[in-house]
Amino acid sequence: MSAFSCVESPPVSTARPLHEDLIQHLTRTTSLGPGEAARVVAEVVTYFSEPAEDFVRRRHAELKARGLTNEQIFPGIAVELSARPVAAPELSLRQLRRIVYG
């Protein structure tokens, strides 16, 4: 047994799919079935997990291909980037405990 095995614990429920609450919400409020809702959620999570640098490069190339100039592109990318959801930083177990207990 490693020294970390007693410190690191698995997620609260390894059987529960990631974002299960969102998947259930989508199945209640749309015509999507559970499998379809899970695929939509996975696709959206993947889309928004793109690193900022990759997003900027991709959007610049897309907008440049449409014939826009850098003077038009960069302000638009700045607005788009500011509106994107940002993933939480990775926190250690100690940091999580400090959030709860101070």
N, C-alpha and C. Protein backbone atom coordinates (compact mmCIF):
# COMPACT_ATOMS: atom_id res chain seq x y z
N MET A 1 0.85 -1.18 0.00
CA MET A 1 0.00 0.00 0.00
C MET A 1 0.89 1.23 0.00
N SER A 2 0.61 2.19 -0.89
CA SER A 2 1.44 3.39 -0.97
C SER A 2 1.06 4.36 0.14
N ALA A 3 1.96 5.27 0.41
CA ALA A 3 1.70 6.27 1.45
C ALA A 3 0.52 7.16 1.07
N PHE A 4 0.24 7.29 -0.22
CA PHE A 4 -0.84 8.16 -0.66
C PHE A 4 -2.19 7.47 -0.69
N SER A 5 -2.22 6.16 -0.67
CA SER A 5 -3.50 5.48 -0.81
C SER A 5 -4.45 5.79 0.33
N CYS A 6 -3.92 6.08 1.51
CA CYS A 6 -4.81 6.41 2.61
C CYS A 6 -5.21 7.89 2.58
N VAL A 7 -4.48 8.71 1.85
CA VAL A 7 -4.78 10.13 1.76
C VAL A 7 -5.70 10.41 0.58
N GLU A 8 -5.37 9.86 -0.56
CA GLU A 8 -6.17 10.08 -1.76
C GLU A 8 -7.36 9.14 -1.73
N SER A 9 -8.52 9.68 -1.94
CA SER A 9 -9.70 8.83 -1.99
C SER A 9 -10.37 9.00 -3.34
N PRO A 10 -11.10 7.98 -3.79
CA PRO A 10 -11.77 8.09 -5.09
C PRO A 10 -12.91 9.08 -5.01
N PRO A 11 -13.45 9.49 -6.17
CA PRO A 11 -14.61 10.38 -6.16
C PRO A 11 -15.72 9.79 -5.31
N VAL A 12 -16.62 10.65 -4.86
CA VAL A 12 -17.68 10.23 -3.96
C VAL A 12 -18.42 9.02 -4.50
N SER A 13 -18.76 9.01 -5.78
CA SER A 13 -19.43 7.87 -6.38
C SER A 13 -18.82 7.59 -7.73
N THR A 14 -18.08 6.50 -7.83
CA THR A 14 -17.46 6.18 -9.10
C THR A 14 -18.47 5.62 -10.09
N ALA A 15 -19.62 5.17 -9.63
CA ALA A 15 -20.64 4.63 -10.53
C ALA A 15 -21.48 5.74 -11.15
N ARG A 16 -21.50 6.90 -10.56
CA ARG A 16 -22.33 8.01 -11.03
C ARG A 16 -21.63 8.71 -12.19
N PRO A 17 -22.30 8.83 -13.34
CA PRO A 17 -21.68 9.52 -14.49
C PRO A 17 -21.43 10.99 -14.16
N LEU A 18 -20.36 11.52 -14.74
CA LEU A 18 -20.04 12.92 -14.58
C LEU A 18 -21.20 13.76 -15.11
N HIS A 19 -21.59 14.78 -14.39
CA HIS A 19 -22.67 15.70 -14.79
C HIS A 19 -24.03 15.00 -14.84
N GLU A 20 -24.23 13.99 -14.01
CA GLU A 20 -25.50 13.26 -14.01
C GLU A 20 -26.68 14.18 -13.77
N ASP A 21 -26.52 15.19 -12.91
CA ASP A 21 -27.62 16.11 -12.64
C ASP A 21 -28.01 16.89 -13.88
N LEU A 22 -27.04 17.30 -14.68
CA LEU A 22 -27.33 18.01 -15.92
C LEU A 22 -28.00 17.09 -16.94
N ILE A 23 -27.52 15.87 -17.03
CA ILE A 23 -28.12 14.88 -17.95
C ILE A 23 -29.58 14.64 -17.57
N GLN A 24 -29.84 14.48 -16.28
CA GLN A 24 -31.23 14.28 -15.83
C GLN A 24 -32.08 15.50 -16.13
N HIS A 25 -31.53 16.69 -15.94
CA HIS A 25 -32.26 17.91 -16.25
C HIS A 25 -32.63 17.97 -17.73
N LEU A 26 -31.67 17.63 -18.60
CA LEU A 26 -31.94 17.64 -20.04
C LEU A 26 -33.00 16.62 -20.43
N THR A 27 -32.99 15.45 -19.82
CA THR A 27 -33.99 14.45 -20.16
C THR A 27 -35.37 14.86 -19.66
N ARG A 28 -35.43 15.63 -18.57
CA ARG A 28 -36.72 16.11 -18.07
C ARG A 28 -37.27 17.26 -18.90
N THR A 29 -36.39 18.11 -19.43
CA THR A 29 -36.83 19.36 -20.05
C THR A 29 -36.76 19.36 -21.58
N THR A 30 -36.27 18.27 -22.16
CA THR A 30 -36.19 18.18 -23.62
C THR A 30 -36.69 16.81 -24.05
N SER A 31 -36.67 16.57 -25.33
CA SER A 31 -37.07 15.27 -25.85
C SER A 31 -35.89 14.30 -25.94
N LEU A 32 -34.75 14.69 -25.41
CA LEU A 32 -33.56 13.83 -25.45
C LEU A 32 -33.70 12.66 -24.48
N GLY A 33 -33.24 11.52 -24.93
CA GLY A 33 -33.14 10.36 -24.04
C GLY A 33 -31.86 10.47 -23.23
N PRO A 34 -31.69 9.62 -22.22
CA PRO A 34 -30.49 9.69 -21.38
C PRO A 34 -29.19 9.55 -22.17
N GLY A 35 -29.12 8.66 -23.13
CA GLY A 35 -27.90 8.49 -23.92
C GLY A 35 -27.60 9.70 -24.77
N GLU A 36 -28.64 10.25 -25.40
CA GLU A 36 -28.45 11.45 -26.22
C GLU A 36 -28.03 12.64 -25.36
N ALA A 37 -28.68 12.79 -24.22
CA ALA A 37 -28.34 13.90 -23.32
C ALA A 37 -26.89 13.77 -22.84
N ALA A 38 -26.46 12.56 -22.53
CA ALA A 38 -25.08 12.34 -22.08
C ALA A 38 -24.10 12.71 -23.19
N ARG A 39 -24.42 12.38 -24.44
CA ARG A 39 -23.54 12.73 -25.56
C ARG A 39 -23.49 14.24 -25.76
N VAL A 40 -24.62 14.92 -25.63
CA VAL A 40 -24.65 16.38 -25.78
C VAL A 40 -23.82 17.03 -24.69
N VAL A 41 -23.99 16.58 -23.46
CA VAL A 41 -23.22 17.14 -22.35
C VAL A 41 -21.73 16.90 -22.57
N ALA A 42 -21.36 15.70 -22.97
CA ALA A 42 -19.95 15.40 -23.22
C ALA A 42 -19.39 16.30 -24.32
N GLU A 43 -20.15 16.54 -25.36
CA GLU A 43 -19.70 17.39 -26.46
C GLU A 43 -19.51 18.83 -26.00
N VAL A 44 -20.46 19.35 -25.22
CA VAL A 44 -20.36 20.73 -24.72
C VAL A 44 -19.17 20.87 -23.77
N VAL A 45 -18.99 19.91 -22.88
CA VAL A 45 -17.86 19.96 -21.95
C VAL A 45 -16.55 19.94 -22.73
N THR A 46 -16.46 19.08 -23.73
CA THR A 46 -15.25 19.02 -24.55
C THR A 46 -15.01 20.34 -25.28
N TYR A 47 -16.06 20.91 -25.83
CA TYR A 47 -15.94 22.17 -26.56
C TYR A 47 -15.39 23.28 -25.66
N PHE A 48 -15.94 23.38 -24.44
CA PHE A 48 -15.53 24.45 -23.55
C PHE A 48 -14.27 24.14 -22.76
N SER A 49 -13.72 22.95 -22.91
CA SER A 49 -12.46 22.65 -22.23
C SER A 49 -11.25 22.96 -23.10
N GLU A 50 -11.49 23.48 -24.28
CA GLU A 50 -10.39 23.86 -25.17
C GLU A 50 -9.55 24.95 -24.49
N PRO A 51 -8.25 24.76 -24.42
CA PRO A 51 -7.39 25.78 -23.80
C PRO A 51 -7.53 27.13 -24.53
N ALA A 52 -7.37 28.21 -23.79
CA ALA A 52 -7.56 29.56 -24.35
C ALA A 52 -6.66 29.79 -25.55
N GLU A 53 -5.41 29.35 -25.47
CA GLU A 53 -4.49 29.56 -26.59
C GLU A 53 -4.97 28.85 -27.85
N ASP A 54 -5.47 27.63 -27.69
CA ASP A 54 -6.00 26.88 -28.84
C ASP A 54 -7.24 27.56 -29.40
N PHE A 55 -8.11 28.04 -28.50
CA PHE A 55 -9.32 28.74 -28.93
C PHE A 55 -8.96 29.97 -29.75
N VAL A 56 -8.00 30.77 -29.27
CA VAL A 56 -7.61 31.99 -29.98
C VAL A 56 -7.05 31.65 -31.35
N ARG A 57 -6.18 30.66 -31.42
CA ARG A 57 -5.61 30.27 -32.72
C ARG A 57 -6.69 29.78 -33.68
N ARG A 58 -7.59 28.93 -33.16
CA ARG A 58 -8.65 28.38 -34.01
C ARG A 58 -9.58 29.48 -34.52
N ARG A 59 -10.04 30.36 -33.60
CA ARG A 59 -10.96 31.41 -34.02
C ARG A 59 -10.29 32.40 -34.97
N HIS A 60 -9.01 32.70 -34.73
CA HIS A 60 -8.30 33.61 -35.63
C HIS A 60 -8.27 33.02 -37.03
N ALA A 61 -7.94 31.73 -37.13
CA ALA A 61 -7.87 31.08 -38.45
C ALA A 61 -9.25 31.07 -39.12
N GLU A 62 -10.31 30.78 -38.34
CA GLU A 62 -11.66 30.76 -38.91
C GLU A 62 -12.07 32.13 -39.42
N LEU A 63 -11.83 33.15 -38.62
CA LEU A 63 -12.24 34.50 -39.01
C LEU A 63 -11.38 35.05 -40.14
N LYS A 64 -10.09 34.71 -40.14
CA LYS A 64 -9.19 35.12 -41.23
C LYS A 64 -9.67 34.49 -42.55
N ALA A 65 -10.11 33.22 -42.48
CA ALA A 65 -10.60 32.53 -43.67
C ALA A 65 -11.87 33.17 -44.21
N ARG A 66 -12.61 33.88 -43.36
CA ARG A 66 -13.82 34.60 -43.80
C ARG A 66 -13.48 35.97 -44.38
N GLY A 67 -12.19 36.32 -44.36
CA GLY A 67 -11.77 37.59 -44.95
C GLY A 67 -11.70 38.75 -43.99
N LEU A 68 -11.84 38.52 -42.70
CA LEU A 68 -11.74 39.60 -41.74
C LEU A 68 -10.28 39.98 -41.52
N THR A 69 -10.05 41.22 -41.11
CA THR A 69 -8.70 41.70 -40.82
C THR A 69 -8.41 41.51 -39.34
N ASN A 70 -7.13 41.56 -38.98
CA ASN A 70 -6.76 41.45 -37.57
C ASN A 70 -7.42 42.52 -36.72
N GLU A 71 -7.61 43.72 -37.28
CA GLU A 71 -8.25 44.81 -36.54
C GLU A 71 -9.70 44.46 -36.21
N GLN A 72 -10.33 43.62 -37.02
CA GLN A 72 -11.69 43.16 -36.75
C GLN A 72 -11.68 41.90 -35.88
N ILE A 73 -10.71 41.06 -36.11
CA ILE A 73 -10.67 39.74 -35.47
C ILE A 73 -10.37 39.83 -33.98
N PHE A 74 -9.30 40.52 -33.61
CA PHE A 74 -8.85 40.47 -32.22
C PHE A 74 -9.85 41.06 -31.22
N PRO A 75 -10.52 42.17 -31.52
CA PRO A 75 -11.54 42.64 -30.58
C PRO A 75 -12.69 41.63 -30.44
N GLY A 76 -13.06 41.00 -31.53
CA GLY A 76 -14.13 39.98 -31.47
C GLY A 76 -13.72 38.77 -30.66
N ILE A 77 -12.49 38.34 -30.84
CA ILE A 77 -12.00 37.19 -30.06
C ILE A 77 -11.95 37.56 -28.58
N ALA A 78 -11.56 38.78 -28.26
CA ALA A 78 -11.52 39.21 -26.86
C ALA A 78 -12.90 39.12 -26.22
N VAL A 79 -13.92 39.55 -26.96
CA VAL A 79 -15.30 39.47 -26.44
C VAL A 79 -15.72 38.01 -26.27
N GLU A 80 -15.46 37.19 -27.28
CA GLU A 80 -15.81 35.77 -27.21
C GLU A 80 -15.11 35.08 -26.05
N LEU A 81 -13.84 35.38 -25.88
CA LEU A 81 -13.05 34.74 -24.82
C LEU A 81 -13.57 35.14 -23.44
N SER A 82 -13.97 36.39 -23.29
CA SER A 82 -14.47 36.84 -21.98
C SER A 82 -15.82 36.21 -21.64
N ALA A 83 -16.55 35.75 -22.65
CA ALA A 83 -17.86 35.15 -22.41
C ALA A 83 -17.80 33.63 -22.21
N ARG A 84 -16.64 33.03 -22.43
CA ARG A 84 -16.52 31.57 -22.29
C ARG A 84 -16.44 31.18 -20.82
N PRO A 85 -17.11 30.06 -20.47
CA PRO A 85 -16.97 29.57 -19.10
C PRO A 85 -15.52 29.14 -18.86
N VAL A 86 -15.07 29.34 -17.66
CA VAL A 86 -13.69 29.00 -17.31
C VAL A 86 -13.71 27.84 -16.32
N ALA A 87 -12.89 26.84 -16.59
CA ALA A 87 -12.81 25.70 -15.69
C ALA A 87 -12.16 26.11 -14.38
N ALA A 88 -12.59 25.49 -13.32
CA ALA A 88 -11.99 25.75 -12.02
C ALA A 88 -10.56 25.24 -12.02
N PRO A 89 -9.70 25.87 -11.26
CA PRO A 89 -8.33 25.36 -11.17
C PRO A 89 -8.32 24.02 -10.46
N GLU A 90 -7.31 23.22 -10.74
CA GLU A 90 -7.19 21.95 -10.06
C GLU A 90 -6.78 22.21 -8.62
N LEU A 91 -7.53 21.67 -7.68
CA LEU A 91 -7.26 21.90 -6.27
C LEU A 91 -6.86 20.60 -5.59
N SER A 92 -5.90 20.69 -4.70
CA SER A 92 -5.49 19.51 -3.94
C SER A 92 -6.55 19.22 -2.88
N LEU A 93 -6.48 18.03 -2.30
CA LEU A 93 -7.41 17.70 -1.23
C LEU A 93 -7.25 18.68 -0.06
N ARG A 94 -6.02 19.06 0.22
CA ARG A 94 -5.78 20.02 1.30
C ARG A 94 -6.46 21.36 1.00
N GLN A 95 -6.34 21.82 -0.26
CA GLN A 95 -6.98 23.08 -0.63
C GLN A 95 -8.49 22.99 -0.51
N LEU A 96 -9.04 21.85 -0.90
CA LEU A 96 -10.49 21.66 -0.76
C LEU A 96 -10.91 21.72 0.70
N ARG A 97 -10.14 21.04 1.55
CA ARG A 97 -10.45 21.06 2.99
C ARG A 97 -10.36 22.48 3.54
N ARG A 98 -9.38 23.24 3.09
CA ARG A 98 -9.23 24.63 3.59
C ARG A 98 -10.40 25.50 3.15
N ILE A 99 -10.95 25.23 1.96
CA ILE A 99 -12.12 25.97 1.50
C ILE A 99 -13.28 25.73 2.46
N VAL A 100 -13.44 24.48 2.88
CA VAL A 100 -14.57 24.13 3.76
C VAL A 100 -14.31 24.54 5.20
N TYR A 101 -13.12 24.27 5.71
CA TYR A 101 -12.87 24.46 7.13
C TYR A 101 -12.01 25.68 7.46
N GLY A 102 -11.51 26.37 6.46
CA GLY A 102 -10.72 27.57 6.69
C GLY A 102 -9.29 27.35 7.03
